[in-house]
Amino acid sequence: MSAWNNQELDALLEMYSDEIQLSSPKIKSILPNRRSLQLSNKKELEEYWTLALEKYSNSRFEAKEVIVHNDTLVLEYIVSLNEIDRTLVMEKFEFKDNKITTSSVFYGAEGLLQ
């Protein structure tokens, strides 16, 4: 990986439960042979993140807003996968025992960025 090293990836994965449930419309663009837009464990998540960080090694993220309520956090951010296109993203995280157990990613509203 060019932009991320193994130590950083390990730190990222440490935030997630072993039984993580992640849903994202981008899963098939990273793992094209998958039938589902969901990952259901940390091993699948590691494969996804490893490939995604290699494919989009120059990604930039800009946090816009964070909302926390009980064991749920919603993060709104702008991601740029290259130096031209920017996409507004909302990601909902649910926590148990200080680990992310569920993550749902929603992309869209690009027109609002102009």
PDB file of N, CA and C in Angstrom:
ATOM      1  N   MET A   1       0.844  -1.175   0.000  1.00  0.00           N
ATOM      2  CA  MET A   1       0.000   0.000   0.000  1.00  0.00           C
ATOM      3  C   MET A   1       0.886   1.232   0.000  1.00  0.00           C
ATOM      4  N   SER A   2       0.569   2.167  -0.819  1.00  0.00           N
ATOM      5  CA  SER A   2       1.435   3.323  -0.888  1.00  0.00           C
ATOM      6  C   SER A   2       1.124   4.368   0.170  1.00  0.00           C
ATOM      7  N   ALA A   3      -0.116   4.733   0.377  1.00  0.00           N
ATOM      8  CA  ALA A   3      -0.428   5.798   1.319  1.00  0.00           C
ATOM      9  C   ALA A   3      -0.606   5.284   2.745  1.00  0.00           C
ATOM     10  N   TRP A   4      -0.965   4.036   2.924  1.00  0.00           N
ATOM     11  CA  TRP A   4      -1.194   3.460   4.248  1.00  0.00           C
ATOM     12  C   TRP A   4      -0.185   2.345   4.472  1.00  0.00           C
ATOM     13  N   ASN A   5       0.321   2.249   5.681  1.00  0.00           N
ATOM     14  CA  ASN A   5       1.189   1.122   5.988  1.00  0.00           C
ATOM     15  C   ASN A   5       0.413   0.092   6.805  1.00  0.00           C
ATOM     16  N   ASN A   6       0.997  -1.066   7.030  1.00  0.00           N
ATOM     17  CA  ASN A   6       0.304  -2.147   7.737  1.00  0.00           C
ATOM     18  C   ASN A   6      -0.073  -1.755   9.158  1.00  0.00           C
ATOM     19  N   GLN A   7       0.756  -0.959   9.799  1.00  0.00           N
ATOM     20  CA  GLN A   7       0.465  -0.526  11.165  1.00  0.00           C
ATOM     21  C   GLN A   7      -0.787   0.347  11.192  1.00  0.00           C
ATOM     22  N   GLU A   8      -0.936   1.223  10.222  1.00  0.00           N
ATOM     23  CA  GLU A   8      -2.124   2.072  10.147  1.00  0.00           C
ATOM     24  C   GLU A   8      -3.370   1.251   9.842  1.00  0.00           C
ATOM     25  N   LEU A   9      -3.251   0.280   8.947  1.00  0.00           N
ATOM     26  CA  LEU A   9      -4.379  -0.593   8.635  1.00  0.00           C
ATOM     27  C   LEU A   9      -4.777  -1.400   9.868  1.00  0.00           C
ATOM     28  N   ASP A  10      -3.807  -1.917  10.596  1.00  0.00           N
ATOM     29  CA  ASP A  10      -4.097  -2.659  11.830  1.00  0.00           C
ATOM     30  C   ASP A  10      -4.822  -1.777  12.837  1.00  0.00           C
ATOM     31  N   ALA A  11      -4.401  -0.523  12.969  1.00  0.00           N
ATOM     32  CA  ALA A  11      -5.058   0.413  13.896  1.00  0.00           C
ATOM     33  C   ALA A  11      -6.499   0.667  13.466  1.00  0.00           C
ATOM     34  N   LEU A  12      -6.725   0.800  12.161  1.00  0.00           N
ATOM     35  CA  LEU A  12      -8.079   0.979  11.637  1.00  0.00           C
ATOM     36  C   LEU A  12      -8.940  -0.237  11.960  1.00  0.00           C
ATOM     37  N   LEU A  13      -8.435  -1.426  11.672  1.00  0.00           N
ATOM     38  CA  LEU A  13      -9.196  -2.653  11.906  1.00  0.00           C
ATOM     39  C   LEU A  13      -9.469  -2.890  13.387  1.00  0.00           C
ATOM     40  N   GLU A  14      -8.590  -2.433  14.248  1.00  0.00           N
ATOM     41  CA  GLU A  14      -8.761  -2.620  15.695  1.00  0.00           C
ATOM     42  C   GLU A  14     -10.025  -1.926  16.215  1.00  0.00           C
ATOM     43  N   MET A  15     -10.516  -0.934  15.491  1.00  0.00           N
ATOM     44  CA  MET A  15     -11.726  -0.223  15.916  1.00  0.00           C
ATOM     45  C   MET A  15     -12.996  -1.049  15.704  1.00  0.00           C
ATOM     46  N   TYR A  16     -12.909  -2.123  14.926  1.00  0.00           N
ATOM     47  CA  TYR A  16     -14.081  -2.901  14.541  1.00  0.00           C
ATOM     48  C   TYR A  16     -14.197  -4.200  15.323  1.00  0.00           C
ATOM     49  N   SER A  17     -15.437  -4.602  15.589  1.00  0.00           N
ATOM     50  CA  SER A  17     -15.742  -5.891  16.196  1.00  0.00           C
ATOM     51  C   SER A  17     -15.387  -7.012  15.217  1.00  0.00           C
ATOM     52  N   ASP A  18     -15.087  -8.195  15.742  1.00  0.00           N
ATOM     53  CA  ASP A  18     -14.811  -9.342  14.871  1.00  0.00           C
ATOM     54  C   ASP A  18     -16.025  -9.709  14.023  1.00  0.00           C
ATOM     55  N   GLU A  19     -17.220  -9.402  14.514  1.00  0.00           N
ATOM     56  CA  GLU A  19     -18.457  -9.725  13.796  1.00  0.00           C
ATOM     57  C   GLU A  19     -19.052  -8.491  13.123  1.00  0.00           C
ATOM     58  N   ILE A  20     -18.208  -7.619  12.630  1.00  0.00           N
ATOM     59  CA  ILE A  20     -18.670  -6.377  12.000  1.00  0.00           C
ATOM     60  C   ILE A  20     -19.649  -6.664  10.859  1.00  0.00           C
ATOM     61  N   GLN A  21     -20.662  -5.837  10.782  1.00  0.00           N
ATOM     62  CA  GLN A  21     -21.600  -5.860   9.656  1.00  0.00           C
ATOM     63  C   GLN A  21     -21.461  -4.521   8.949  1.00  0.00           C
ATOM     64  N   LEU A  22     -20.863  -4.524   7.770  1.00  0.00           N
ATOM     65  CA  LEU A  22     -20.659  -3.299   7.026  1.00  0.00           C
ATOM     66  C   LEU A  22     -21.428  -3.382   5.721  1.00  0.00           C
ATOM     67  N   SER A  23     -22.182  -2.338   5.426  1.00  0.00           N
ATOM     68  CA  SER A  23     -22.873  -2.277   4.134  1.00  0.00           C
ATOM     69  C   SER A  23     -22.464  -0.986   3.430  1.00  0.00           C
ATOM     70  N   SER A  24     -22.148  -1.139   2.138  1.00  0.00           N
ATOM     71  CA  SER A  24     -21.716   0.002   1.339  1.00  0.00           C
ATOM     72  C   SER A  24     -21.920  -0.314  -0.137  1.00  0.00           C
ATOM     73  N   PRO A  25     -22.402   0.651  -0.900  1.00  0.00           N
ATOM     74  CA  PRO A  25     -22.546   0.430  -2.339  1.00  0.00           C
ATOM     75  C   PRO A  25     -21.191   0.307  -3.047  1.00  0.00           C
ATOM     76  N   LYS A  26     -20.107   0.646  -2.383  1.00  0.00           N
ATOM     77  CA  LYS A  26     -18.771   0.577  -2.987  1.00  0.00           C
ATOM     78  C   LYS A  26     -18.129  -0.805  -2.861  1.00  0.00           C
ATOM     79  N   ILE A  27     -18.737  -1.708  -2.123  1.00  0.00           N
ATOM     80  CA  ILE A  27     -18.131  -3.028  -1.907  1.00  0.00           C
ATOM     81  C   ILE A  27     -17.878  -3.734  -3.235  1.00  0.00           C
ATOM     82  N   LYS A  28     -18.850  -3.684  -4.149  1.00  0.00           N
ATOM     83  CA  LYS A  28     -18.674  -4.384  -5.432  1.00  0.00           C
ATOM     84  C   LYS A  28     -17.603  -3.747  -6.309  1.00  0.00           C
ATOM     85  N   SER A  29     -17.339  -2.466  -6.141  1.00  0.00           N
ATOM     86  CA  SER A  29     -16.267  -1.849  -6.938  1.00  0.00           C
ATOM     87  C   SER A  29     -14.888  -2.275  -6.432  1.00  0.00           C
ATOM     88  N   ILE A  30     -14.804  -2.682  -5.180  1.00  0.00           N
ATOM     89  CA  ILE A  30     -13.542  -3.148  -4.607  1.00  0.00           C
ATOM     90  C   ILE A  30     -13.445  -4.671  -4.693  1.00  0.00           C
ATOM     91  N   LEU A  31     -14.562  -5.345  -4.458  1.00  0.00           N
ATOM     92  CA  LEU A  31     -14.629  -6.808  -4.487  1.00  0.00           C
ATOM     93  C   LEU A  31     -15.670  -7.225  -5.524  1.00  0.00           C
ATOM     94  N   PRO A  32     -15.348  -7.153  -6.808  1.00  0.00           N
ATOM     95  CA  PRO A  32     -16.342  -7.352  -7.875  1.00  0.00           C
ATOM     96  C   PRO A  32     -16.986  -8.735  -7.913  1.00  0.00           C
ATOM     97  N   ASN A  33     -16.386  -9.737  -7.318  1.00  0.00           N
ATOM     98  CA  ASN A  33     -16.970 -11.083  -7.348  1.00  0.00           C
ATOM     99  C   ASN A  33     -17.988 -11.321  -6.242  1.00  0.00           C
ATOM    100  N   ARG A  34     -18.177 -10.350  -5.361  1.00  0.00           N
ATOM    101  CA  ARG A  34     -19.151 -10.513  -4.277  1.00  0.00           C
ATOM    102  C   ARG A  34     -20.565 -10.343  -4.804  1.00  0.00           C
ATOM    103  N   ARG A  35     -21.472 -11.104  -4.268  1.00  0.00           N
ATOM    104  CA  ARG A  35     -22.888 -10.973  -4.639  1.00  0.00           C
ATOM    105  C   ARG A  35     -23.599  -9.946  -3.776  1.00  0.00           C
ATOM    106  N   SER A  36     -23.042  -9.676  -2.620  1.00  0.00           N
ATOM    107  CA  SER A  36     -23.696  -8.822  -1.636  1.00  0.00           C
ATOM    108  C   SER A  36     -22.964  -7.492  -1.487  1.00  0.00           C
ATOM    109  N   LEU A  37     -23.693  -6.492  -1.035  1.00  0.00           N
ATOM    110  CA  LEU A  37     -23.105  -5.198  -0.708  1.00  0.00           C
ATOM    111  C   LEU A  37     -22.811  -5.118   0.785  1.00  0.00           C
ATOM    112  N   GLN A  38     -22.636  -6.269   1.419  1.00  0.00           N
ATOM    113  CA  GLN A  38     -22.367  -6.319   2.850  1.00  0.00           C
ATOM    114  C   GLN A  38     -21.162  -7.205   3.140  1.00  0.00           C
ATOM    115  N   LEU A  39     -20.444  -6.810   4.186  1.00  0.00           N
ATOM    116  CA  LEU A  39     -19.362  -7.621   4.737  1.00  0.00           C
ATOM    117  C   LEU A  39     -19.815  -8.062   6.120  1.00  0.00           C
ATOM    118  N   SER A  40     -19.428  -9.268   6.539  1.00  0.00           N
ATOM    119  CA  SER A  40     -19.992  -9.778   7.793  1.00  0.00           C
ATOM    120  C   SER A  40     -18.952 -10.229   8.814  1.00  0.00           C
ATOM    121  N   ASN A  41     -17.690  -9.915   8.586  1.00  0.00           N
ATOM    122  CA  ASN A  41     -16.686 -10.226   9.607  1.00  0.00           C
ATOM    123  C   ASN A  41     -15.421  -9.425   9.337  1.00  0.00           C
ATOM    124  N   LYS A  42     -14.524  -9.445  10.307  1.00  0.00           N
ATOM    125  CA  LYS A  42     -13.313  -8.624  10.211  1.00  0.00           C
ATOM    126  C   LYS A  42     -12.369  -9.101   9.115  1.00  0.00           C
ATOM    127  N   LYS A  43     -12.355 -10.399   8.826  1.00  0.00           N
ATOM    128  CA  LYS A  43     -11.497 -10.900   7.746  1.00  0.00           C
ATOM    129  C   LYS A  43     -11.926 -10.296   6.402  1.00  0.00           C
ATOM    130  N   GLU A  44     -13.232 -10.269   6.139  1.00  0.00           N
ATOM    131  CA  GLU A  44     -13.737  -9.650   4.912  1.00  0.00           C
ATOM    132  C   GLU A  44     -13.434  -8.152   4.907  1.00  0.00           C
ATOM    133  N   LEU A  45     -13.576  -7.522   6.063  1.00  0.00           N
ATOM    134  CA  LEU A  45     -13.301  -6.091   6.168  1.00  0.00           C
ATOM    135  C   LEU A  45     -11.833  -5.795   5.875  1.00  0.00           C
ATOM    136  N   GLU A  46     -10.941  -6.632   6.385  1.00  0.00           N
ATOM    137  CA  GLU A  46      -9.510  -6.440   6.123  1.00  0.00           C
ATOM    138  C   GLU A  46      -9.203  -6.562   4.628  1.00  0.00           C
ATOM    139  N   GLU A  47      -9.790  -7.552   3.970  1.00  0.00           N
ATOM    140  CA  GLU A  47      -9.591  -7.704   2.530  1.00  0.00           C
ATOM    141  C   GLU A  47     -10.101  -6.463   1.790  1.00  0.00           C
ATOM    142  N   TYR A  48     -11.295  -6.013   2.161  1.00  0.00           N
ATOM    143  CA  TYR A  48     -11.896  -4.832   1.541  1.00  0.00           C
ATOM    144  C   TYR A  48     -11.012  -3.603   1.723  1.00  0.00           C
ATOM    145  N   TRP A  49     -10.618  -3.318   2.968  1.00  0.00           N
ATOM    146  CA  TRP A  49      -9.815  -2.118   3.236  1.00  0.00           C
ATOM    147  C   TRP A  49      -8.457  -2.195   2.551  1.00  0.00           C
ATOM    148  N   THR A  50      -7.841  -3.362   2.559  1.00  0.00           N
ATOM    149  CA  THR A  50      -6.536  -3.518   1.914  1.00  0.00           C
ATOM    150  C   THR A  50      -6.619  -3.162   0.435  1.00  0.00           C
ATOM    151  N   LEU A  51      -7.603  -3.731  -0.259  1.00  0.00           N
ATOM    152  CA  LEU A  51      -7.765  -3.464  -1.687  1.00  0.00           C
ATOM    153  C   LEU A  51      -8.204  -2.022  -1.954  1.00  0.00           C
ATOM    154  N   ALA A  52      -9.110  -1.512  -1.121  1.00  0.00           N
ATOM    155  CA  ALA A  52      -9.601  -0.139  -1.312  1.00  0.00           C
ATOM    156  C   ALA A  52      -8.480   0.875  -1.121  1.00  0.00           C
ATOM    157  N   LEU A  53      -7.647   0.657  -0.116  1.00  0.00           N
ATOM    158  CA  LEU A  53      -6.562   1.603   0.142  1.00  0.00           C
ATOM    159  C   LEU A  53      -5.467   1.523  -0.906  1.00  0.00           C
ATOM    160  N   GLU A  54      -5.321   0.365  -1.540  1.00  0.00           N
ATOM    161  CA  GLU A  54      -4.389   0.254  -2.668  1.00  0.00           C
ATOM    162  C   GLU A  54      -4.959   0.950  -3.902  1.00  0.00           C
ATOM    163  N   LYS A  55      -6.242   0.691  -4.175  1.00  0.00           N
ATOM    164  CA  LYS A  55      -6.887   1.250  -5.370  1.00  0.00           C
ATOM    165  C   LYS A  55      -7.016   2.771  -5.280  1.00  0.00           C
ATOM    166  N   TYR A  56      -7.316   3.265  -4.097  1.00  0.00           N
ATOM    167  CA  TYR A  56      -7.537   4.698  -3.895  1.00  0.00           C
ATOM    168  C   TYR A  56      -6.506   5.260  -2.923  1.00  0.00           C
ATOM    169  N   SER A  57      -5.247   5.013  -3.195  1.00  0.00           N
ATOM    170  CA  SER A  57      -4.190   5.410  -2.268  1.00  0.00           C
ATOM    171  C   SER A  57      -4.058   6.926  -2.111  1.00  0.00           C
ATOM    172  N   ASN A  58      -4.598   7.689  -3.040  1.00  0.00           N
ATOM    173  CA  ASN A  58      -4.513   9.151  -2.946  1.00  0.00           C
ATOM    174  C   ASN A  58      -5.809   9.781  -2.440  1.00  0.00           C
ATOM    175  N   SER A  59      -6.675   8.987  -1.821  1.00  0.00           N
ATOM    176  CA  SER A  59      -7.948   9.497  -1.302  1.00  0.00           C
ATOM    177  C   SER A  59      -7.725  10.570  -0.255  1.00  0.00           C
ATOM    178  N   ARG A  60      -8.630  11.511  -0.244  1.00  0.00           N
ATOM    179  CA  ARG A  60      -8.615  12.569   0.771  1.00  0.00           C
ATOM    180  C   ARG A  60     -10.000  12.634   1.395  1.00  0.00           C
ATOM    181  N   PHE A  61     -10.038  12.805   2.718  1.00  0.00           N
ATOM    182  CA  PHE A  61     -11.296  12.864   3.451  1.00  0.00           C
ATOM    183  C   PHE A  61     -11.366  14.188   4.203  1.00  0.00           C
ATOM    184  N   GLU A  62     -12.539  14.806   4.142  1.00  0.00           N
ATOM    185  CA  GLU A  62     -12.771  16.074   4.835  1.00  0.00           C
ATOM    186  C   GLU A  62     -14.020  15.927   5.695  1.00  0.00           C
ATOM    187  N   ALA A  63     -13.842  15.889   7.000  1.00  0.00           N
ATOM    188  CA  ALA A  63     -14.979  15.754   7.916  1.00  0.00           C
ATOM    189  C   ALA A  63     -15.831  17.012   7.867  1.00  0.00           C
ATOM    190  N   LYS A  64     -17.154  16.827   7.847  1.00  0.00           N
ATOM    191  CA  LYS A  64     -18.085  17.954   7.819  1.00  0.00           C
ATOM    192  C   LYS A  64     -18.858  18.055   9.128  1.00  0.00           C
ATOM    193  N   GLU A  65     -19.379  16.921   9.600  1.00  0.00           N
ATOM    194  CA  GLU A  65     -20.188  16.945  10.819  1.00  0.00           C
ATOM    195  C   GLU A  65     -20.173  15.580  11.488  1.00  0.00           C
ATOM    196  N   VAL A  66     -20.233  15.610  12.806  1.00  0.00           N
ATOM    197  CA  VAL A  66     -20.298  14.389  13.601  1.00  0.00           C
ATOM    198  C   VAL A  66     -21.489  14.514  14.549  1.00  0.00           C
ATOM    199  N   ILE A  67     -22.324  13.477  14.560  1.00  0.00           N
ATOM    200  CA  ILE A  67     -23.470  13.431  15.467  1.00  0.00           C
ATOM    201  C   ILE A  67     -23.339  12.162  16.293  1.00  0.00           C
ATOM    202  N   VAL A  68     -23.423  12.313  17.612  1.00  0.00           N
ATOM    203  CA  VAL A  68     -23.319  11.168  18.513  1.00  0.00           C
ATOM    204  C   VAL A  68     -24.591  11.093  19.341  1.00  0.00           C
ATOM    205  N   HIS A  69     -25.156   9.884  19.408  1.00  0.00           N
ATOM    206  CA  HIS A  69     -26.332   9.653  20.237  1.00  0.00           C
ATOM    207  C   HIS A  69     -26.252   8.235  20.786  1.00  0.00           C
ATOM    208  N   ASN A  70     -26.129   8.128  22.096  1.00  0.00           N
ATOM    209  CA  ASN A  70     -25.985   6.828  22.760  1.00  0.00           C
ATOM    210  C   ASN A  70     -24.824   6.048  22.131  1.00  0.00           C
ATOM    211  N   ASP A  71     -25.099   4.874  21.572  1.00  0.00           N
ATOM    212  CA  ASP A  71     -24.049   4.035  20.989  1.00  0.00           C
ATOM    213  C   ASP A  71     -23.982   4.163  19.472  1.00  0.00           C
ATOM    214  N   THR A  72     -24.455   5.288  18.943  1.00  0.00           N
ATOM    215  CA  THR A  72     -24.474   5.515  17.503  1.00  0.00           C
ATOM    216  C   THR A  72     -23.741   6.806  17.172  1.00  0.00           C
ATOM    217  N   LEU A  73     -22.946   6.765  16.121  1.00  0.00           N
ATOM    218  CA  LEU A  73     -22.239   7.940  15.635  1.00  0.00           C
ATOM    219  C   LEU A  73     -22.523   8.055  14.139  1.00  0.00           C
ATOM    220  N   VAL A  74     -22.878   9.252  13.690  1.00  0.00           N
ATOM    221  CA  VAL A  74     -23.066   9.514  12.268  1.00  0.00           C
ATOM    222  C   VAL A  74     -22.011  10.524  11.856  1.00  0.00           C
ATOM    223  N   LEU A  75     -21.255  10.170  10.839  1.00  0.00           N
ATOM    224  CA  LEU A  75     -20.177  11.019  10.346  1.00  0.00           C
ATOM    225  C   LEU A  75     -20.513  11.444   8.917  1.00  0.00           C
ATOM    226  N   GLU A  76     -20.527  12.739   8.692  1.00  0.00           N
ATOM    227  CA  GLU A  76     -20.721  13.274   7.345  1.00  0.00           C
ATOM    228  C   GLU A  76     -19.367  13.796   6.876  1.00  0.00           C
ATOM    229  N   TYR A  77     -18.951  13.366   5.688  1.00  0.00           N
ATOM    230  CA  TYR A  77     -17.653  13.798   5.182  1.00  0.00           C
ATOM    231  C   TYR A  77     -17.663  13.860   3.662  1.00  0.00           C
ATOM    232  N   ILE A  78     -16.669  14.532   3.142  1.00  0.00           N
ATOM    233  CA  ILE A  78     -16.464  14.594   1.695  1.00  0.00           C
ATOM    234  C   ILE A  78     -15.238  13.761   1.392  1.00  0.00           C
ATOM    235  N   VAL A  79     -15.370  12.879   0.414  1.00  0.00           N
ATOM    236  CA  VAL A  79     -14.229  12.060  -0.009  1.00  0.00           C
ATOM    237  C   VAL A  79     -13.875  12.424  -1.444  1.00  0.00           C
ATOM    238  N   SER A  80     -12.590  12.529  -1.669  1.00  0.00           N
ATOM    239  CA  SER A  80     -12.068  12.718  -3.015  1.00  0.00           C
ATOM    240  C   SER A  80     -11.180  11.521  -3.311  1.00  0.00           C
ATOM    241  N   LEU A  81     -11.618  10.680  -4.247  1.00  0.00           N
ATOM    242  CA  LEU A  81     -10.860   9.482  -4.597  1.00  0.00           C
ATOM    243  C   LEU A  81      -9.757   9.787  -5.602  1.00  0.00           C
ATOM    244  N   ASN A  82      -9.870  10.925  -6.247  1.00  0.00           N
ATOM    245  CA  ASN A  82      -8.831  11.415  -7.138  1.00  0.00           C
ATOM    246  C   ASN A  82      -8.753  12.913  -6.890  1.00  0.00           C
ATOM    247  N   GLU A  83      -8.094  13.635  -7.696  1.00  0.00           N
ATOM    248  CA  GLU A  83      -7.958  15.068  -7.421  1.00  0.00           C
ATOM    249  C   GLU A  83      -9.071  15.911  -8.034  1.00  0.00           C
ATOM    250  N   ILE A  84     -10.067  15.250  -8.642  1.00  0.00           N
ATOM    251  CA  ILE A  84     -11.131  15.988  -9.321  1.00  0.00           C
ATOM    252  C   ILE A  84     -12.489  15.757  -8.670  1.00  0.00           C
ATOM    253  N   ASP A  85     -12.912  14.500  -8.578  1.00  0.00           N
ATOM    254  CA  ASP A  85     -14.254  14.165  -8.110  1.00  0.00           C
ATOM    255  C   ASP A  85     -14.343  14.188  -6.593  1.00  0.00           C
ATOM    256  N   ARG A  86     -15.411  14.811  -6.097  1.00  0.00           N
ATOM    257  CA  ARG A  86     -15.679  14.854  -4.658  1.00  0.00           C
ATOM    258  C   ARG A  86     -17.083  14.318  -4.425  1.00  0.00           C
ATOM    259  N   THR A  87     -17.244  13.525  -3.391  1.00  0.00           N
ATOM    260  CA  THR A  87     -18.534  12.918  -3.089  1.00  0.00           C
ATOM    261  C   THR A  87     -18.866  13.133  -1.620  1.00  0.00           C
ATOM    262  N   LEU A  88     -20.099  13.512  -1.374  1.00  0.00           N
ATOM    263  CA  LEU A  88     -20.584  13.647  -0.007  1.00  0.00           C
ATOM    264  C   LEU A  88     -20.978  12.264   0.502  1.00  0.00           C
ATOM    265  N   VAL A  89     -20.520  11.921   1.692  1.00  0.00           N
ATOM    266  CA  VAL A  89     -20.752  10.597   2.275  1.00  0.00           C
ATOM    267  C   VAL A  89     -21.285  10.765   3.684  1.00  0.00           C
ATOM    268  N   MET A  90     -22.229   9.899   4.050  1.00  0.00           N
ATOM    269  CA  MET A  90     -22.673   9.793   5.440  1.00  0.00           C
ATOM    270  C   MET A  90     -22.439   8.352   5.847  1.00  0.00           C
ATOM    271  N   GLU A  91     -21.853   8.183   7.011  1.00  0.00           N
ATOM    272  CA  GLU A  91     -21.579   6.848   7.512  1.00  0.00           C
ATOM    273  C   GLU A  91     -22.107   6.754   8.940  1.00  0.00           C
ATOM    274  N   LYS A  92     -22.905   5.729   9.148  1.00  0.00           N
ATOM    275  CA  LYS A  92     -23.503   5.493  10.465  1.00  0.00           C
ATOM    276  C   LYS A  92     -22.773   4.323  11.118  1.00  0.00           C
ATOM    277  N   PHE A  93     -22.260   4.565  12.317  1.00  0.00           N
ATOM    278  CA  PHE A  93     -21.564   3.540  13.077  1.00  0.00           C
ATOM    279  C   PHE A  93     -22.353   3.213  14.338  1.00  0.00           C
ATOM    280  N   GLU A  94     -22.478   1.937  14.632  1.00  0.00           N
ATOM    281  CA  GLU A  94     -23.064   1.506  15.898  1.00  0.00           C
ATOM    282  C   GLU A  94     -21.985   0.791  16.687  1.00  0.00           C
ATOM    283  N   PHE A  95     -21.940   1.065  18.000  1.00  0.00           N
ATOM    284  CA  PHE A  95     -20.880   0.561  18.862  1.00  0.00           C
ATOM    285  C   PHE A  95     -21.415  -0.359  19.944  1.00  0.00           C
ATOM    286  N   LYS A  96     -20.601  -1.321  20.328  1.00  0.00           N
ATOM    287  CA  LYS A  96     -20.845  -2.150  21.500  1.00  0.00           C
ATOM    288  C   LYS A  96     -19.481  -2.491  22.077  1.00  0.00           C
ATOM    289  N   ASP A  97     -19.325  -2.305  23.368  1.00  0.00           N
ATOM    290  CA  ASP A  97     -18.043  -2.564  24.033  1.00  0.00           C
ATOM    291  C   ASP A  97     -16.894  -1.823  23.351  1.00  0.00           C
ATOM    292  N   ASN A  98     -17.148  -0.588  22.973  1.00  0.00           N
ATOM    293  CA  ASN A  98     -16.156   0.296  22.359  1.00  0.00           C
ATOM    294  C   ASN A  98     -15.623  -0.194  21.014  1.00  0.00           C
ATOM    295  N   LYS A  99     -16.353  -1.050  20.351  1.00  0.00           N
ATOM    296  CA  LYS A  99     -15.986  -1.520  19.009  1.00  0.00           C
ATOM    297  C   LYS A  99     -17.143  -1.225  18.056  1.00  0.00           C
ATOM    298  N   ILE A 100     -16.816  -0.960  16.808  1.00  0.00           N
ATOM    299  CA  ILE A 100     -17.847  -0.752  15.797  1.00  0.00           C
ATOM    300  C   ILE A 100     -18.417  -2.116  15.429  1.00  0.00           C
ATOM    301  N   THR A 101     -19.732  -2.267  15.605  1.00  0.00           N
ATOM    302  CA  THR A 101     -20.402  -3.527  15.283  1.00  0.00           C
ATOM    303  C   THR A 101     -21.153  -3.455  13.959  1.00  0.00           C
ATOM    304  N   THR A 102     -21.595  -2.252  13.606  1.00  0.00           N
ATOM    305  CA  THR A 102     -22.345  -2.054  12.369  1.00  0.00           C
ATOM    306  C   THR A 102     -21.913  -0.734  11.744  1.00  0.00           C
ATOM    307  N   SER A 103     -21.716  -0.762  10.431  1.00  0.00           N
ATOM    308  CA  SER A 103     -21.397   0.455   9.694  1.00  0.00           C
ATOM    309  C   SER A 103     -22.199   0.437   8.402  1.00  0.00           C
ATOM    310  N   SER A 104     -22.917   1.527   8.167  1.00  0.00           N
ATOM    311  CA  SER A 104     -23.700   1.684   6.940  1.00  0.00           C
ATOM    312  C   SER A 104     -23.234   2.953   6.253  1.00  0.00           C
ATOM    313  N   VAL A 105     -22.853   2.824   4.989  1.00  0.00           N
ATOM    314  CA  VAL A 105     -22.286   3.948   4.243  1.00  0.00           C
ATOM    315  C   VAL A 105     -23.267   4.367   3.149  1.00  0.00           C
ATOM    316  N   PHE A 106     -23.487   5.677   3.046  1.00  0.00           N
ATOM    317  CA  PHE A 106     -24.415   6.238   2.071  1.00  0.00           C
ATOM    318  C   PHE A 106     -23.681   7.310   1.268  1.00  0.00           C
ATOM    319  N   TYR A 107     -23.717   7.187  -0.056  1.00  0.00           N
ATOM    320  CA  TYR A 107     -23.047   8.132  -0.952  1.00  0.00           C
ATOM    321  C   TYR A 107     -24.089   8.948  -1.708  1.00  0.00           C
ATOM    322  N   GLY A 108     -23.732  10.174  -2.053  1.00  0.00           N
ATOM    323  CA  GLY A 108     -24.615  10.942  -2.906  1.00  0.00           C
ATOM    324  C   GLY A 108     -24.565  12.431  -2.645  1.00  0.00           C
ATOM    325  N   ALA A 109     -25.537  13.122  -3.198  1.00  0.00           N
ATOM    326  CA  ALA A 109     -25.708  14.570  -3.048  1.00  0.00           C
ATOM    327  C   ALA A 109     -24.518  15.354  -3.576  1.00  0.00           C
ATOM    328  N   GLU A 110     -23.847  14.836  -4.612  1.00  0.00           N
ATOM    329  CA  GLU A 110     -22.692  15.525  -5.158  1.00  0.00           C
ATOM    330  C   GLU A 110     -23.021  16.938  -5.637  1.00  0.00           C
ATOM    331  N   GLY A 111     -24.217  17.140  -6.115  1.00  0.00           N
ATOM    332  CA  GLY A 111     -24.612  18.459  -6.605  1.00  0.00           C
ATOM    333  C   GLY A 111     -24.546  19.536  -5.552  1.00  0.00           C
ATOM    334  N   LEU A 112     -24.645  19.155  -4.286  1.00  0.00           N
ATOM    335  CA  LEU A 112     -24.590  20.125  -3.214  1.00  0.00           C
ATOM    336  C   LEU A 112     -23.177  20.665  -2.995  1.00  0.00           C
ATOM    337  N   LEU A 113     -22.184  20.023  -3.559  1.00  0.00           N
ATOM    338  CA  LEU A 113     -20.804  20.412  -3.330  1.00  0.00           C
ATOM    339  C   LEU A 113     -20.329  21.518  -4.264  1.00  0.00           C
ATOM    340  N   GLN A 114     -21.122  21.858  -5.252  1.00  0.00           N
ATOM    341  CA  GLN A 114     -20.656  22.815  -6.251  1.00  0.00           C
ATOM    342  C   GLN A 114     -20.961  24.231  -5.880  1.00  0.00           C
TER     343      GLN A 114
END
